[in-house]
Amino acid sequence: GADPNDFHVHAAALSSEADMLLTCDTGLLN
């Protein structure tokens, strides 16, 4: 992702075995 500050969201989504990540952040969406 473009913003390193969003790493914790991505990593936690993986850890939770999420099917979906719900966010308004364009970096995480793209």
Full PDB file with SEQRES, HELIX, SHEET, SSBOND, CRYST1, ORIGX, SCALE, CONECT and MASTER records, all heavy atoms in Angstrom:
SEQRES   1 A   30  GLY ALA ASP PRO ASN ASP PHE HIS VAL HIS ALA ALA ALA          
SEQRES   2 A   30  LEU SER SER GLU ALA ASP MET LEU LEU THR CYS ASP THR          
SEQRES   3 A   30  GLY LEU LEU ASN                                              
HELIX    1 AA1 PRO A    4  ASP A    6  5                                   3    
HELIX    2 AA2 PHE A    7  SER A   15  1                                   9    
HELIX    3 AA3 THR A   26  LEU A   29  1                                   4    
CRYST1    1.000    1.000    1.000  90.00  90.00  90.00 P 1           1          
ORIGX1      1.000000  0.000000  0.000000        0.00000                         
ORIGX2      0.000000  1.000000  0.000000        0.00000                         
ORIGX3      0.000000  0.000000  1.000000        0.00000                         
SCALE1      1.000000  0.000000  0.000000        0.00000                         
SCALE2      0.000000  1.000000  0.000000        0.00000                         
SCALE3      0.000000  0.000000  1.000000        0.00000                         
ATOM      1  N   GLY A   1       0.815  -1.215   0.000  1.00  0.00           N  
ATOM      2  CA  GLY A   1       0.000   0.000   0.000  1.00  0.00           C  
ATOM      3  C   GLY A   1       0.845   1.259   0.000  1.00  0.00           C  
ATOM      4  O   GLY A   1       2.031   1.242   0.363  1.00  0.00           O  
ATOM      5  N   ALA A   2       0.234   2.361  -0.391  1.00  0.00           N  
ATOM      6  CA  ALA A   2       0.961   3.622  -0.552  1.00  0.00           C  
ATOM      7  C   ALA A   2       1.369   4.240   0.779  1.00  0.00           C  
ATOM      8  O   ALA A   2       2.404   4.901   0.868  1.00  0.00           O  
ATOM      9  CB  ALA A   2       0.097   4.612  -1.347  1.00  0.00           C  
ATOM     10  N   ASP A   3       0.569   4.043   1.822  1.00  0.00           N  
ATOM     11  CA  ASP A   3       0.816   4.695   3.101  1.00  0.00           C  
ATOM     12  C   ASP A   3       1.304   3.677   4.126  1.00  0.00           C  
ATOM     13  O   ASP A   3       0.548   2.795   4.534  1.00  0.00           O  
ATOM     14  CB  ASP A   3      -0.470   5.359   3.598  1.00  0.00           C  
ATOM     15  CG  ASP A   3      -0.253   6.188   4.861  1.00  0.00           C  
ATOM     16  OD1 ASP A   3       0.858   6.155   5.416  1.00  0.00           O  
ATOM     17  OD2 ASP A   3      -1.211   6.854   5.296  1.00  0.00           O  
ATOM     18  N   PRO A   4       2.566   3.790   4.579  1.00  0.00           N  
ATOM     19  CA  PRO A   4       3.080   2.819   5.566  1.00  0.00           C  
ATOM     20  C   PRO A   4       2.321   2.856   6.886  1.00  0.00           C  
ATOM     21  O   PRO A   4       2.341   1.884   7.643  1.00  0.00           O  
ATOM     22  CB  PRO A   4       4.544   3.253   5.754  1.00  0.00           C  
ATOM     23  CG  PRO A   4       4.599   4.671   5.282  1.00  0.00           C  
ATOM     24  CD  PRO A   4       3.584   4.776   4.194  1.00  0.00           C  
ATOM     25  N   ASN A   5       1.610   3.945   7.165  1.00  0.00           N  
ATOM     26  CA  ASN A   5       0.838   4.030   8.403  1.00  0.00           C  
ATOM     27  C   ASN A   5      -0.376   3.102   8.391  1.00  0.00           C  
ATOM     28  O   ASN A   5      -0.986   2.868   9.447  1.00  0.00           O  
ATOM     29  CB  ASN A   5       0.373   5.473   8.633  1.00  0.00           C  
ATOM     30  CG  ASN A   5       1.520   6.413   8.951  1.00  0.00           C  
ATOM     31  OD1 ASN A   5       2.482   6.032   9.622  1.00  0.00           O  
ATOM     32  ND2 ASN A   5       1.432   7.647   8.476  1.00  0.00           N  
ATOM     33  N   ASP A   6      -0.710   2.593   7.213  1.00  0.00           N  
ATOM     34  CA  ASP A   6      -1.843   1.672   7.103  1.00  0.00           C  
ATOM     35  C   ASP A   6      -1.431   0.212   7.227  1.00  0.00           C  
ATOM     36  O   ASP A   6      -2.287  -0.676   7.151  1.00  0.00           O  
ATOM     37  CB  ASP A   6      -2.557   1.870   5.755  1.00  0.00           C  
ATOM     38  CG  ASP A   6      -3.260   3.211   5.668  1.00  0.00           C  
ATOM     39  OD1 ASP A   6      -3.703   3.710   6.709  1.00  0.00           O  
ATOM     40  OD2 ASP A   6      -3.373   3.756   4.554  1.00  0.00           O  
ATOM     41  N   PHE A   7      -0.138  -0.021   7.443  1.00  0.00           N  
ATOM     42  CA  PHE A   7       0.342  -1.408   7.519  1.00  0.00           C  
ATOM     43  C   PHE A   7      -0.385  -2.197   8.593  1.00  0.00           C  
ATOM     44  O   PHE A   7      -0.762  -3.358   8.394  1.00  0.00           O  
ATOM     45  CB  PHE A   7       1.849  -1.446   7.783  1.00  0.00           C  
ATOM     46  CG  PHE A   7       2.352  -2.814   8.142  1.00  0.00           C  
ATOM     47  CD1 PHE A   7       2.559  -3.773   7.164  1.00  0.00           C  
ATOM     48  CD2 PHE A   7       2.568  -3.170   9.475  1.00  0.00           C  
ATOM     49  CE1 PHE A   7       3.000  -5.059   7.499  1.00  0.00           C  
ATOM     50  CE2 PHE A   7       2.999  -4.445   9.813  1.00  0.00           C  
ATOM     51  CZ  PHE A   7       3.219  -5.386   8.824  1.00  0.00           C  
ATOM     52  N   HIS A   8      -0.594  -1.581   9.759  1.00  0.00           N  
ATOM     53  CA  HIS A   8      -1.204  -2.319  10.882  1.00  0.00           C  
ATOM     54  C   HIS A   8      -2.614  -2.793  10.535  1.00  0.00           C  
ATOM     55  O   HIS A   8      -3.049  -3.853  11.003  1.00  0.00           O  
ATOM     56  CB  HIS A   8      -1.208  -1.458  12.149  1.00  0.00           C  
ATOM     57  CG  HIS A   8      -2.187  -0.327  12.125  1.00  0.00           C  
ATOM     58  ND1 HIS A   8      -3.434  -0.394  12.728  1.00  0.00           N  
ATOM     59  CD2 HIS A   8      -2.111   0.908  11.585  1.00  0.00           C  
ATOM     60  CE1 HIS A   8      -4.068   0.744  12.560  1.00  0.00           C  
ATOM     61  NE2 HIS A   8      -3.298   1.565  11.865  1.00  0.00           N  
ATOM     62  N   VAL A   9      -3.334  -2.042   9.706  1.00  0.00           N  
ATOM     63  CA  VAL A   9      -4.686  -2.446   9.299  1.00  0.00           C  
ATOM     64  C   VAL A   9      -4.601  -3.665   8.393  1.00  0.00           C  
ATOM     65  O   VAL A   9      -5.323  -4.660   8.582  1.00  0.00           O  
ATOM     66  CB  VAL A   9      -5.403  -1.289   8.585  1.00  0.00           C  
ATOM     67  CG1 VAL A   9      -6.784  -1.738   8.094  1.00  0.00           C  
ATOM     68  CG2 VAL A   9      -5.515  -0.086   9.497  1.00  0.00           C  
ATOM     69  N   HIS A  10      -3.713  -3.602   7.414  1.00  0.00           N  
ATOM     70  CA  HIS A  10      -3.521  -4.723   6.484  1.00  0.00           C  
ATOM     71  C   HIS A  10      -3.090  -5.980   7.229  1.00  0.00           C  
ATOM     72  O   HIS A  10      -3.664  -7.063   7.032  1.00  0.00           O  
ATOM     73  CB  HIS A  10      -2.468  -4.325   5.441  1.00  0.00           C  
ATOM     74  CG  HIS A  10      -1.881  -5.457   4.679  1.00  0.00           C  
ATOM     75  ND1 HIS A  10      -2.557  -6.111   3.669  1.00  0.00           N  
ATOM     76  CD2 HIS A  10      -0.668  -6.076   4.777  1.00  0.00           C  
ATOM     77  CE1 HIS A  10      -1.786  -7.062   3.164  1.00  0.00           C  
ATOM     78  NE2 HIS A  10      -0.646  -7.074   3.824  1.00  0.00           N  
ATOM     79  N   ALA A  11      -2.099  -5.843   8.102  1.00  0.00           N  
ATOM     80  CA  ALA A  11      -1.567  -7.004   8.819  1.00  0.00           C  
ATOM     81  C   ALA A  11      -2.622  -7.616   9.749  1.00  0.00           C  
ATOM     82  O   ALA A  11      -2.738  -8.845   9.848  1.00  0.00           O  
ATOM     83  CB  ALA A  11      -0.334  -6.597   9.626  1.00  0.00           C  
ATOM     84  N   ALA A  12      -3.403  -6.768  10.403  1.00  0.00           N  
ATOM     85  CA  ALA A  12      -4.443  -7.277  11.300  1.00  0.00           C  
ATOM     86  C   ALA A  12      -5.567  -7.943  10.519  1.00  0.00           C  
ATOM     87  O   ALA A  12      -6.147  -8.935  10.975  1.00  0.00           O  
ATOM     88  CB  ALA A  12      -4.988  -6.151  12.161  1.00  0.00           C  
ATOM     89  N   ALA A  13      -5.891  -7.403   9.333  1.00  0.00           N  
ATOM     90  CA  ALA A  13      -6.910  -8.033   8.490  1.00  0.00           C  
ATOM     91  C   ALA A  13      -6.469  -9.439   8.091  1.00  0.00           C  
ATOM     92  O   ALA A  13      -7.272 -10.379   8.086  1.00  0.00           O  
ATOM     93  CB  ALA A  13      -7.180  -7.180   7.259  1.00  0.00           C  
ATOM     94  N   LEU A  14      -5.190  -9.594   7.770  1.00  0.00           N  
ATOM     95  CA  LEU A  14      -4.664 -10.917   7.442  1.00  0.00           C  
ATOM     96  C   LEU A  14      -4.711 -11.831   8.658  1.00  0.00           C  
ATOM     97  O   LEU A  14      -5.103 -13.005   8.551  1.00  0.00           O  
ATOM     98  CB  LEU A  14      -3.232 -10.794   6.929  1.00  0.00           C  
ATOM     99  CG  LEU A  14      -3.019 -10.095   5.586  1.00  0.00           C  
ATOM    100  CD1 LEU A  14      -1.529  -9.995   5.271  1.00  0.00           C  
ATOM    101  CD2 LEU A  14      -3.738 -10.854   4.468  1.00  0.00           C  
ATOM    102  N   SER A  15      -4.320 -11.311   9.811  1.00  0.00           N  
ATOM    103  CA  SER A  15      -4.291 -12.118  11.029  1.00  0.00           C  
ATOM    104  C   SER A  15      -5.686 -12.595  11.418  1.00  0.00           C  
ATOM    105  O   SER A  15      -5.847 -13.710  11.929  1.00  0.00           O  
ATOM    106  CB  SER A  15      -3.680 -11.297  12.168  1.00  0.00           C  
ATOM    107  OG  SER A  15      -3.658 -12.039  13.365  1.00  0.00           O  
ATOM    108  N   SER A  16      -6.689 -11.768  11.172  1.00  0.00           N  
ATOM    109  CA  SER A  16      -8.064 -12.136  11.520  1.00  0.00           C  
ATOM    110  C   SER A  16      -8.694 -13.066  10.496  1.00  0.00           C  
ATOM    111  O   SER A  16      -9.831 -13.493  10.667  1.00  0.00           O  
ATOM    112  CB  SER A  16      -8.927 -10.875  11.647  1.00  0.00           C  
ATOM    113  OG  SER A  16      -9.105 -10.251  10.390  1.00  0.00           O  
ATOM    114  N   GLU A  17      -7.948 -13.378   9.431  1.00  0.00           N  
ATOM    115  CA  GLU A  17      -8.442 -14.202   8.329  1.00  0.00           C  
ATOM    116  C   GLU A  17      -9.704 -13.591   7.723  1.00  0.00           C  
ATOM    117  O   GLU A  17     -10.671 -14.282   7.400  1.00  0.00           O  
ATOM    118  CB  GLU A  17      -8.692 -15.643   8.793  1.00  0.00           C  
ATOM    119  CG  GLU A  17      -7.437 -16.328   9.299  1.00  0.00           C  
ATOM    120  CD  GLU A  17      -7.693 -17.775   9.722  1.00  0.00           C  
ATOM    121  OE1 GLU A  17      -8.876 -18.135   9.936  1.00  0.00           O  
ATOM    122  OE2 GLU A  17      -6.711 -18.532   9.820  1.00  0.00           O  
ATOM    123  N   ALA A  18      -9.659 -12.269   7.583  1.00  0.00           N  
ATOM    124  CA  ALA A  18     -10.815 -11.539   7.064  1.00  0.00           C  
ATOM    125  C   ALA A  18     -11.077 -11.875   5.602  1.00  0.00           C  
ATOM    126  O   ALA A  18     -10.148 -12.043   4.812  1.00  0.00           O  
ATOM    127  CB  ALA A  18     -10.590 -10.035   7.213  1.00  0.00           C  
ATOM    128  N   ASP A  19     -12.353 -11.952   5.268  1.00  0.00           N  
ATOM    129  CA  ASP A  19     -12.763 -12.058   3.870  1.00  0.00           C  
ATOM    130  C   ASP A  19     -12.855 -10.676   3.236  1.00  0.00           C  
ATOM    131  O   ASP A  19     -12.668 -10.531   2.027  1.00  0.00           O  
ATOM    132  CB  ASP A  19     -14.131 -12.738   3.767  1.00  0.00           C  
ATOM    133  CG  ASP A  19     -14.139 -14.120   4.388  1.00  0.00           C  
ATOM    134  OD1 ASP A  19     -13.478 -15.005   3.821  1.00  0.00           O  
ATOM    135  OD2 ASP A  19     -14.786 -14.300   5.434  1.00  0.00           O  
ATOM    136  N   MET A  20     -13.152  -9.676   4.074  1.00  0.00           N  
ATOM    137  CA  MET A  20     -13.335  -8.311   3.597  1.00  0.00           C  
ATOM    138  C   MET A  20     -12.649  -7.341   4.551  1.00  0.00           C  
ATOM    139  O   MET A  20     -12.626  -7.561   5.762  1.00  0.00           O  
ATOM    140  CB  MET A  20     -14.824  -7.952   3.511  1.00  0.00           C  
ATOM    141  CG  MET A  20     -15.641  -8.852   2.621  1.00  0.00           C  
ATOM    142  SD  MET A  20     -17.390  -8.368   2.670  1.00  0.00           S  
ATOM    143  CE  MET A  20     -18.095  -9.588   1.551  1.00  0.00           C  
ATOM    144  N   LEU A  21     -12.131  -6.261   3.967  1.00  0.00           N  
ATOM    145  CA  LEU A  21     -11.630  -5.134   4.741  1.00  0.00           C  
ATOM    146  C   LEU A  21     -12.536  -3.953   4.438  1.00  0.00           C  
ATOM    147  O   LEU A  21     -12.669  -3.538   3.289  1.00  0.00           O  
ATOM    148  CB  LEU A  21     -10.182  -4.812   4.351  1.00  0.00           C  
ATOM    149  CG  LEU A  21      -9.627  -3.472   4.849  1.00  0.00           C  
ATOM    150  CD1 LEU A  21      -9.637  -3.416   6.377  1.00  0.00           C  
ATOM    151  CD2 LEU A  21      -8.225  -3.237   4.312  1.00  0.00           C  
ATOM    152  N   LEU A  22     -13.164  -3.403   5.463  1.00  0.00           N  
ATOM    153  CA  LEU A  22     -14.085  -2.282   5.296  1.00  0.00           C  
ATOM    154  C   LEU A  22     -13.347  -0.995   5.624  1.00  0.00           C  
ATOM    155  O   LEU A  22     -12.935  -0.772   6.766  1.00  0.00           O  
ATOM    156  CB  LEU A  22     -15.298  -2.468   6.214  1.00  0.00           C  
ATOM    157  CG  LEU A  22     -16.489  -1.549   5.997  1.00  0.00           C  
ATOM    158  CD1 LEU A  22     -17.044  -1.692   4.583  1.00  0.00           C  
ATOM    159  CD2 LEU A  22     -17.577  -1.844   7.020  1.00  0.00           C  
ATOM    160  N   THR A  23     -13.184  -0.127   4.619  1.00  0.00           N  
ATOM    161  CA  THR A  23     -12.385   1.078   4.789  1.00  0.00           C  
ATOM    162  C   THR A  23     -12.783   2.139   3.781  1.00  0.00           C  
ATOM    163  O   THR A  23     -13.325   1.816   2.717  1.00  0.00           O  
ATOM    164  CB  THR A  23     -10.880   0.758   4.629  1.00  0.00           C  
ATOM    165  OG1 THR A  23     -10.101   1.938   4.853  1.00  0.00           O  
ATOM    166  CG2 THR A  23     -10.589   0.205   3.236  1.00  0.00           C  
ATOM    167  N   CYS A  24     -12.509   3.391   4.133  1.00  0.00           N  
ATOM    168  CA  CYS A  24     -12.683   4.505   3.193  1.00  0.00           C  
ATOM    169  C   CYS A  24     -11.340   4.955   2.634  1.00  0.00           C  
ATOM    170  O   CYS A  24     -11.290   5.876   1.803  1.00  0.00           O  
ATOM    171  CB  CYS A  24     -13.358   5.684   3.886  1.00  0.00           C  
ATOM    172  SG  CYS A  24     -14.981   5.347   4.586  1.00  0.00           S  
ATOM    173  N   ASP A  25     -10.264   4.346   3.088  1.00  0.00           N  
ATOM    174  CA  ASP A  25      -8.913   4.750   2.716  1.00  0.00           C  
ATOM    175  C   ASP A  25      -8.591   4.318   1.281  1.00  0.00           C  
ATOM    176  O   ASP A  25      -8.620   3.132   0.965  1.00  0.00           O  
ATOM    177  CB  ASP A  25      -7.908   4.130   3.687  1.00  0.00           C  
ATOM    178  CG  ASP A  25      -6.502   4.644   3.493  1.00  0.00           C  
ATOM    179  OD1 ASP A  25      -5.835   4.203   2.546  1.00  0.00           O  
ATOM    180  OD2 ASP A  25      -6.073   5.499   4.295  1.00  0.00           O  
ATOM    181  N   THR A  26      -8.277   5.288   0.422  1.00  0.00           N  
ATOM    182  CA  THR A  26      -8.028   4.970  -0.994  1.00  0.00           C  
ATOM    183  C   THR A  26      -6.789   4.095  -1.175  1.00  0.00           C  
ATOM    184  O   THR A  26      -6.745   3.280  -2.095  1.00  0.00           O  
ATOM    185  CB  THR A  26      -7.866   6.264  -1.813  1.00  0.00           C  
ATOM    186  OG1 THR A  26      -6.826   7.080  -1.233  1.00  0.00           O  
ATOM    187  CG2 THR A  26      -9.168   7.051  -1.828  1.00  0.00           C  
ATOM    188  N   GLY A  27      -5.800   4.263  -0.297  1.00  0.00           N  
ATOM    189  CA  GLY A  27      -4.604   3.429  -0.408  1.00  0.00           C  
ATOM    190  C   GLY A  27      -4.904   1.962  -0.142  1.00  0.00           C  
ATOM    191  O   GLY A  27      -4.411   1.076  -0.854  1.00  0.00           O  
ATOM    192  N   LEU A  28      -5.722   1.685   0.858  1.00  0.00           N  
ATOM    193  CA  LEU A  28      -6.099   0.304   1.163  1.00  0.00           C  
ATOM    194  C   LEU A  28      -7.080  -0.243   0.135  1.00  0.00           C  
ATOM    195  O   LEU A  28      -7.079  -1.445  -0.153  1.00  0.00           O  
ATOM    196  CB  LEU A  28      -6.721   0.230   2.563  1.00  0.00           C  
ATOM    197  CG  LEU A  28      -5.744   0.428   3.726  1.00  0.00           C  
ATOM    198  CD1 LEU A  28      -6.494   0.653   5.032  1.00  0.00           C  
ATOM    199  CD2 LEU A  28      -4.802  -0.769   3.850  1.00  0.00           C  
ATOM    200  N   LEU A  29      -7.900   0.622  -0.430  1.00  0.00           N  
ATOM    201  CA  LEU A  29      -8.864   0.180  -1.438  1.00  0.00           C  
ATOM    202  C   LEU A  29      -8.211  -0.119  -2.781  1.00  0.00           C  
ATOM    203  O   LEU A  29      -8.783  -0.848  -3.590  1.00  0.00           O  
ATOM    204  CB  LEU A  29      -9.943   1.250  -1.628  1.00  0.00           C  
ATOM    205  CG  LEU A  29     -10.941   1.421  -0.479  1.00  0.00           C  
ATOM    206  CD1 LEU A  29     -11.741   2.702  -0.661  1.00  0.00           C  
ATOM    207  CD2 LEU A  29     -11.878   0.217  -0.395  1.00  0.00           C  
ATOM    208  N   ASN A  30      -7.032   0.436  -3.017  1.00  0.00           N  
ATOM    209  CA  ASN A  30      -6.390   0.309  -4.326  1.00  0.00           C  
ATOM    210  C   ASN A  30      -4.961  -0.203  -4.206  1.00  0.00           C  
ATOM    211  O   ASN A  30      -4.040   0.339  -4.827  1.00  0.00           O  
ATOM    212  CB  ASN A  30      -6.401   1.669  -5.037  1.00  0.00           C  
ATOM    213  CG  ASN A  30      -7.802   2.173  -5.305  1.00  0.00           C  
ATOM    214  OD1 ASN A  30      -8.491   1.687  -6.188  1.00  0.00           O  
ATOM    215  ND2 ASN A  30      -8.240   3.168  -4.531  1.00  0.00           N  
TER     216      ASN A  30                                                      
MASTER        0    0    0    3    0    0    0    6  215    1    0    3          
END                                                                             
